[in-house]
N, C-alpha and C. Protein backbone atom coordinates (compact mmCIF):
# COMPACT_ATOMS: atom_id res chain seq x y z
N MET A 1 0.75 -1.21 -0.17
CA MET A 1 0.15 -0.16 0.14
C MET A 1 0.78 1.37 0.03
N ALA A 2 1.91 1.23 0.87
CA ALA A 2 2.85 2.29 0.99
C ALA A 2 3.36 2.75 -0.63
N SER A 3 3.64 1.67 -1.56
CA SER A 3 4.00 2.29 -2.70
C SER A 3 3.13 2.83 -3.52
N LYS A 4 1.95 2.50 -3.31
CA LYS A 4 0.78 3.06 -4.14
C LYS A 4 0.51 4.45 -3.94
N TRP A 5 0.40 4.88 -2.61
CA TRP A 5 0.44 6.07 -2.09
C TRP A 5 1.77 7.16 -2.48
N ALA A 6 2.88 6.26 -2.32
CA ALA A 6 3.98 6.86 -2.90
C ALA A 6 3.85 7.51 -4.43
N LEU A 7 3.09 6.65 -5.35
CA LEU A 7 2.98 6.93 -6.71
C LEU A 7 2.09 7.83 -6.90
N VAL A 8 0.78 7.88 -6.12
CA VAL A 8 -0.08 9.01 -6.22
C VAL A 8 0.77 10.41 -5.86
N GLY A 9 1.40 10.36 -4.47
CA GLY A 9 2.20 11.60 -4.56
C GLY A 9 3.16 12.19 -5.48
N PHE A 10 3.69 11.08 -6.15
CA PHE A 10 4.79 11.46 -7.36
C PHE A 10 4.10 12.10 -8.13
N VAL A 11 2.79 11.84 -8.57
CA VAL A 11 2.03 12.36 -9.57
C VAL A 11 1.71 13.70 -9.32
N LYS A 12 1.14 13.94 -8.26
CA LYS A 12 0.50 15.15 -7.73
C LYS A 12 2.15 16.19 -7.42
N SER A 13 3.12 15.72 -7.21
CA SER A 13 4.36 16.27 -7.29
C SER A 13 4.87 16.69 -8.78
N LEU A 14 4.76 15.96 -10.01
CA LEU A 14 4.84 16.27 -11.04
C LEU A 14 4.13 17.11 -11.66
N LEU A 15 2.75 17.14 -11.13
CA LEU A 15 1.85 18.18 -11.71
C LEU A 15 2.31 19.56 -11.24
N MET A 16 2.57 19.81 -9.82
CA MET A 16 2.95 21.04 -9.29
C MET A 16 4.07 21.82 -10.15
N GLU A 17 5.01 20.91 -10.58
CA GLU A 17 6.11 21.15 -11.30
C GLU A 17 5.99 21.32 -12.74
N LEU A 18 5.24 20.68 -13.31
CA LEU A 18 5.00 20.65 -14.89
C LEU A 18 3.68 21.14 -15.14
N GLY A 19 2.68 21.07 -14.50
CA GLY A 19 1.29 22.01 -14.87
C GLY A 19 1.49 23.10 -15.55
N PRO A 20 2.51 23.90 -14.93
CA PRO A 20 2.68 25.25 -15.34
C PRO A 20 3.39 25.33 -17.02
N PHE A 21 3.87 24.17 -17.46
CA PHE A 21 3.94 23.93 -18.77
C PHE A 21 2.86 23.26 -19.46
N GLY A 22 1.57 22.98 -19.10
CA GLY A 22 0.61 22.39 -19.81
C GLY A 22 0.74 20.75 -19.82
N ILE A 23 1.68 20.36 -19.24
CA ILE A 23 1.64 18.75 -18.82
C ILE A 23 1.07 18.46 -17.86
N ARG A 24 0.17 17.57 -18.09
CA ARG A 24 -0.88 16.69 -17.18
C ARG A 24 -0.14 15.40 -16.67
N ALA A 25 -0.46 15.14 -15.39
CA ALA A 25 -0.32 13.88 -14.62
C ALA A 25 -0.92 13.37 -13.90
N ASN A 26 -1.09 11.86 -14.03
CA ASN A 26 -2.47 11.22 -13.56
C ASN A 26 -1.79 9.83 -13.27
N ALA A 27 -2.38 9.41 -12.28
CA ALA A 27 -2.45 7.77 -11.68
C ALA A 27 -3.75 6.94 -12.37
N VAL A 28 -3.24 6.11 -13.01
CA VAL A 28 -4.53 4.94 -13.15
C VAL A 28 -4.29 3.87 -12.50
N CYS A 29 -5.35 3.71 -11.52
CA CYS A 29 -5.15 2.43 -10.60
C CYS A 29 -6.25 1.54 -10.74
N PRO A 30 -5.92 0.57 -11.57
CA PRO A 30 -6.63 -0.58 -11.86
C PRO A 30 -6.88 -1.23 -10.58
N GLY A 31 -7.78 -2.10 -10.71
CA GLY A 31 -8.47 -3.17 -9.52
C GLY A 31 -8.01 -4.47 -10.23
N ASN A 32 -8.62 -5.57 -9.68
CA ASN A 32 -8.32 -6.91 -10.34
C ASN A 32 -8.58 -6.87 -11.91
N VAL A 33 -7.63 -7.09 -12.88
CA VAL A 33 -7.69 -7.02 -14.14
C VAL A 33 -7.82 -8.24 -14.61
N GLU A 34 -9.03 -8.70 -15.30
CA GLU A 34 -9.03 -10.09 -15.73
C GLU A 34 -7.81 -10.33 -16.71
N SER A 35 -7.13 -11.28 -16.51
CA SER A 35 -5.67 -11.83 -16.99
C SER A 35 -5.18 -12.90 -16.89
N GLU A 36 -4.29 -13.36 -17.18
CA GLU A 36 -3.53 -14.57 -16.91
C GLU A 36 -2.96 -14.57 -15.50
N ARG A 37 -2.31 -13.59 -15.30
CA ARG A 37 -1.65 -12.97 -13.94
C ARG A 37 -2.70 -13.39 -12.62
N ILE A 38 -3.96 -12.78 -12.75
CA ILE A 38 -4.87 -12.82 -11.99
C ILE A 38 -5.18 -14.07 -11.66
N GLU A 39 -5.39 -14.85 -12.70
CA GLU A 39 -5.80 -16.44 -12.72
C GLU A 39 -4.68 -17.08 -11.92
N ARG A 40 -3.37 -16.70 -12.34
CA ARG A 40 -2.03 -17.68 -11.37
C ARG A 40 -2.54 -16.95 -10.00
N VAL A 41 -2.77 -15.99 -9.67
CA VAL A 41 -2.77 -15.40 -8.41
C VAL A 41 -4.16 -15.87 -7.19
N ILE A 42 -5.12 -16.12 -8.29
CA ILE A 42 -6.26 -16.78 -7.75
C ILE A 42 -6.06 -18.29 -7.54
N SER A 43 -5.59 -18.63 -8.31
CA SER A 43 -5.25 -20.49 -8.27
C SER A 43 -4.04 -20.80 -7.12
N MET A 44 -3.06 -20.10 -7.17
CA MET A 44 -2.37 -20.10 -5.82
C MET A 44 -3.00 -19.78 -4.77
N GLU A 45 -3.69 -18.54 -4.23
CA GLU A 45 -4.05 -18.35 -3.02
C GLU A 45 -5.28 -19.09 -2.48
N SER A 46 -6.29 -19.81 -3.29
CA SER A 46 -7.33 -20.53 -3.29
C SER A 46 -6.87 -21.90 -2.88
N ALA A 47 -5.40 -22.31 -3.50
CA ALA A 47 -4.79 -23.32 -3.06
C ALA A 47 -4.44 -23.46 -1.65
N ALA A 48 -3.66 -22.21 -1.29
CA ALA A 48 -3.33 -21.99 0.03
C ALA A 48 -4.24 -21.79 0.93
N ARG A 49 -5.18 -21.57 0.63
CA ARG A 49 -6.40 -21.22 1.82
C ARG A 49 -7.41 -22.44 1.62
N GLY A 50 -7.09 -23.52 0.75
CA GLY A 50 -8.13 -24.78 0.78
C GLY A 50 -9.61 -24.27 0.06
N ILE A 51 -10.00 -23.54 -0.33
CA ILE A 51 -10.97 -23.09 -1.13
C ILE A 51 -10.69 -23.27 -2.58
N SER A 52 -12.17 -23.37 -3.26
CA SER A 52 -12.04 -23.30 -4.84
C SER A 52 -11.69 -22.41 -5.35
N ARG A 53 -11.16 -22.42 -6.40
CA ARG A 53 -11.13 -20.82 -7.37
C ARG A 53 -12.25 -20.25 -7.55
N GLU A 54 -13.27 -20.92 -7.45
CA GLU A 54 -14.78 -20.39 -8.03
C GLU A 54 -14.87 -19.47 -6.50
N GLU A 55 -14.95 -19.95 -5.35
CA GLU A 55 -15.05 -19.51 -3.98
C GLU A 55 -14.32 -18.17 -4.01
N LEU A 56 -13.01 -18.36 -4.35
CA LEU A 56 -12.38 -17.04 -3.85
C LEU A 56 -12.54 -16.16 -4.99
N ARG A 57 -12.79 -16.50 -6.27
CA ARG A 57 -13.14 -15.32 -7.04
C ARG A 57 -14.35 -14.76 -6.54
N ALA A 58 -15.47 -15.82 -6.25
CA ALA A 58 -16.69 -14.76 -5.48
C ALA A 58 -16.67 -13.77 -4.40
N GLN A 59 -15.63 -14.28 -3.71
CA GLN A 59 -15.22 -13.23 -2.35
C GLN A 59 -14.33 -12.02 -2.56
N TRP A 60 -13.51 -12.40 -3.72
CA TRP A 60 -13.07 -10.81 -4.06
C TRP A 60 -14.15 -10.18 -5.23
N MET A 61 -14.92 -10.65 -5.63
CA MET A 61 -15.99 -9.72 -6.21
C MET A 61 -16.81 -9.04 -5.36
N LEU A 62 -16.98 -9.66 -4.14
CA LEU A 62 -17.80 -9.16 -3.13
C LEU A 62 -16.88 -7.83 -2.70
N GLY A 63 -15.72 -7.58 -2.90
CA GLY A 63 -14.72 -6.38 -2.45
C GLY A 63 -15.30 -5.41 -3.70
N SER A 64 -16.13 -5.66 -4.87
CA SER A 64 -16.27 -4.36 -5.73
C SER A 64 -17.92 -4.07 -5.75
N SER A 65 -18.05 -3.10 -5.85
CA SER A 65 -19.44 -2.66 -5.71
C SER A 65 -20.36 -3.08 -7.03
N MET A 66 -19.18 -2.95 -8.18
CA MET A 66 -19.95 -3.72 -9.50
C MET A 66 -19.86 -5.09 -9.50
N ARG A 67 -19.46 -5.66 -8.52
CA ARG A 67 -19.04 -7.39 -8.51
C ARG A 67 -18.85 -7.69 -9.72
N THR A 68 -17.41 -7.11 -10.16
CA THR A 68 -16.63 -7.52 -11.34
C THR A 68 -15.08 -7.30 -11.20
N PHE A 69 -14.60 -8.11 -12.39
CA PHE A 69 -13.20 -7.43 -12.55
C PHE A 69 -13.16 -6.72 -13.68
N VAL A 70 -12.14 -5.81 -13.63
CA VAL A 70 -11.89 -4.81 -15.09
C VAL A 70 -11.36 -5.82 -15.94
N THR A 71 -11.49 -5.07 -17.47
CA THR A 71 -10.67 -5.82 -18.30
C THR A 71 -9.40 -4.87 -18.75
N PRO A 72 -8.70 -5.45 -19.36
CA PRO A 72 -7.14 -4.51 -20.04
C PRO A 72 -7.92 -3.31 -20.86
N GLN A 73 -9.12 -3.67 -21.62
CA GLN A 73 -9.50 -2.46 -22.22
C GLN A 73 -10.23 -1.64 -21.46
N ASP A 74 -10.77 -1.75 -20.42
CA ASP A 74 -11.51 -0.76 -19.41
C ASP A 74 -10.23 0.27 -19.36
N VAL A 75 -8.98 -0.39 -18.86
CA VAL A 75 -7.94 0.52 -18.16
C VAL A 75 -7.35 1.20 -19.45
N ALA A 76 -7.20 0.52 -20.64
CA ALA A 76 -6.99 1.31 -21.84
C ALA A 76 -7.75 2.42 -21.99
N ALA A 77 -8.92 2.23 -21.88
CA ALA A 77 -9.98 3.40 -22.58
C ALA A 77 -9.80 4.29 -21.40
N THR A 78 -9.41 4.41 -20.01
CA THR A 78 -9.28 5.16 -19.23
C THR A 78 -7.99 6.26 -19.68
N VAL A 79 -6.80 5.47 -19.79
CA VAL A 79 -5.75 6.12 -20.27
C VAL A 79 -6.22 7.18 -21.56
N LEU A 80 -6.80 6.48 -22.62
CA LEU A 80 -6.93 7.16 -24.05
C LEU A 80 -7.78 8.59 -23.37
N PHE A 81 -8.68 8.34 -22.50
CA PHE A 81 -9.92 9.51 -22.30
C PHE A 81 -9.02 10.56 -21.62
N VAL A 82 -8.07 10.12 -20.68
CA VAL A 82 -7.21 11.23 -19.84
C VAL A 82 -6.53 12.42 -20.81
N CYS A 83 -5.95 11.10 -21.90
CA CYS A 83 -4.83 11.65 -22.71
C CYS A 83 -5.68 12.43 -23.98
N SER A 84 -6.77 12.59 -24.17
CA SER A 84 -7.59 13.09 -25.03
C SER A 84 -7.99 14.30 -24.79
N ASP A 85 -8.51 15.23 -25.77
CA ASP A 85 -8.77 16.81 -25.49
C ASP A 85 -10.09 16.56 -24.69
N ALA A 86 -10.70 15.69 -24.73
CA ALA A 86 -11.81 15.47 -23.48
C ALA A 86 -11.34 15.63 -22.22
N GLY A 87 -10.08 15.11 -21.98
CA GLY A 87 -9.56 15.03 -20.67
C GLY A 87 -8.42 16.20 -20.09
N VAL A 88 -8.63 17.20 -21.04
CA VAL A 88 -7.65 18.21 -20.95
C VAL A 88 -7.46 18.70 -19.54
N HIS A 89 -8.46 18.80 -18.72
CA HIS A 89 -8.30 19.61 -17.48
C HIS A 89 -8.22 18.30 -16.50
N ILE A 90 -7.96 17.29 -16.90
CA ILE A 90 -7.73 16.04 -15.57
C ILE A 90 -6.51 16.14 -15.26
N SER A 91 -6.15 16.26 -14.30
CA SER A 91 -4.66 16.44 -13.75
C SER A 91 -4.43 16.24 -12.28
N GLY A 92 -3.38 15.61 -11.72
CA GLY A 92 -3.03 15.23 -10.49
C GLY A 92 -4.20 14.66 -9.77
N GLN A 93 -4.65 13.36 -10.64
CA GLN A 93 -5.79 12.45 -10.36
C GLN A 93 -5.38 11.15 -9.63
N ALA A 94 -5.61 10.37 -9.01
CA ALA A 94 -5.49 9.07 -8.97
C ALA A 94 -7.05 8.53 -9.32
N LEU A 95 -6.89 8.04 -10.58
CA LEU A 95 -8.36 7.44 -11.22
C LEU A 95 -8.37 5.53 -11.08
N ALA A 96 -9.38 5.36 -10.34
CA ALA A 96 -9.39 4.17 -9.83
C ALA A 96 -10.50 3.45 -10.83
N VAL A 97 -9.70 2.60 -11.90
CA VAL A 97 -10.52 1.76 -12.66
C VAL A 97 -10.46 0.06 -11.90
N ASP A 98 -11.48 0.26 -11.15
CA ASP A 98 -12.11 -0.99 -10.27
C ASP A 98 -13.32 -1.61 -9.87
N GLY A 99 -14.14 -0.76 -10.65
CA GLY A 99 -15.63 -1.00 -10.19
C GLY A 99 -15.82 -0.64 -8.57
N HIS A 100 -14.98 0.28 -8.15
CA HIS A 100 -15.15 0.73 -6.96
C HIS A 100 -14.73 -0.63 -5.60
N THR A 101 -13.63 -0.65 -5.61
CA THR A 101 -13.03 -1.83 -4.80
C THR A 101 -13.03 -1.28 -3.31
N GLU A 102 -13.49 -2.31 -2.64
CA GLU A 102 -13.21 -2.11 -1.20
C GLU A 102 -12.87 -3.30 -0.61
N PHE A 103 -12.14 -3.55 0.50
CA PHE A 103 -11.51 -4.69 0.94
C PHE A 103 -12.56 -5.18 1.93
N VAL A 104 -12.78 -6.59 1.53
CA VAL A 104 -13.75 -7.22 2.54
C VAL A 104 -12.74 -8.09 3.71
């Protein structure tokens, strides 16, 4: 967690220094992203806890208000938006792309 907060602080520092030159800085903070990596993590943790992969996945989904994992395309779309003209005044933000994740 400390490293994530450090990254957010770094982004805000970048903005303070580079903002006057029209340079934007944001942190995109993805939640659980549907991928081979997350499937490996689920497999290892479910085995360590002695529960099924499906049960662990369901538990993790309870931590998301939208009851879903995000896709790589969701993350890419967010990055494209903040880099576009539509996101011209979005800067210094930590943008969660996670379906509103809370820890349970």
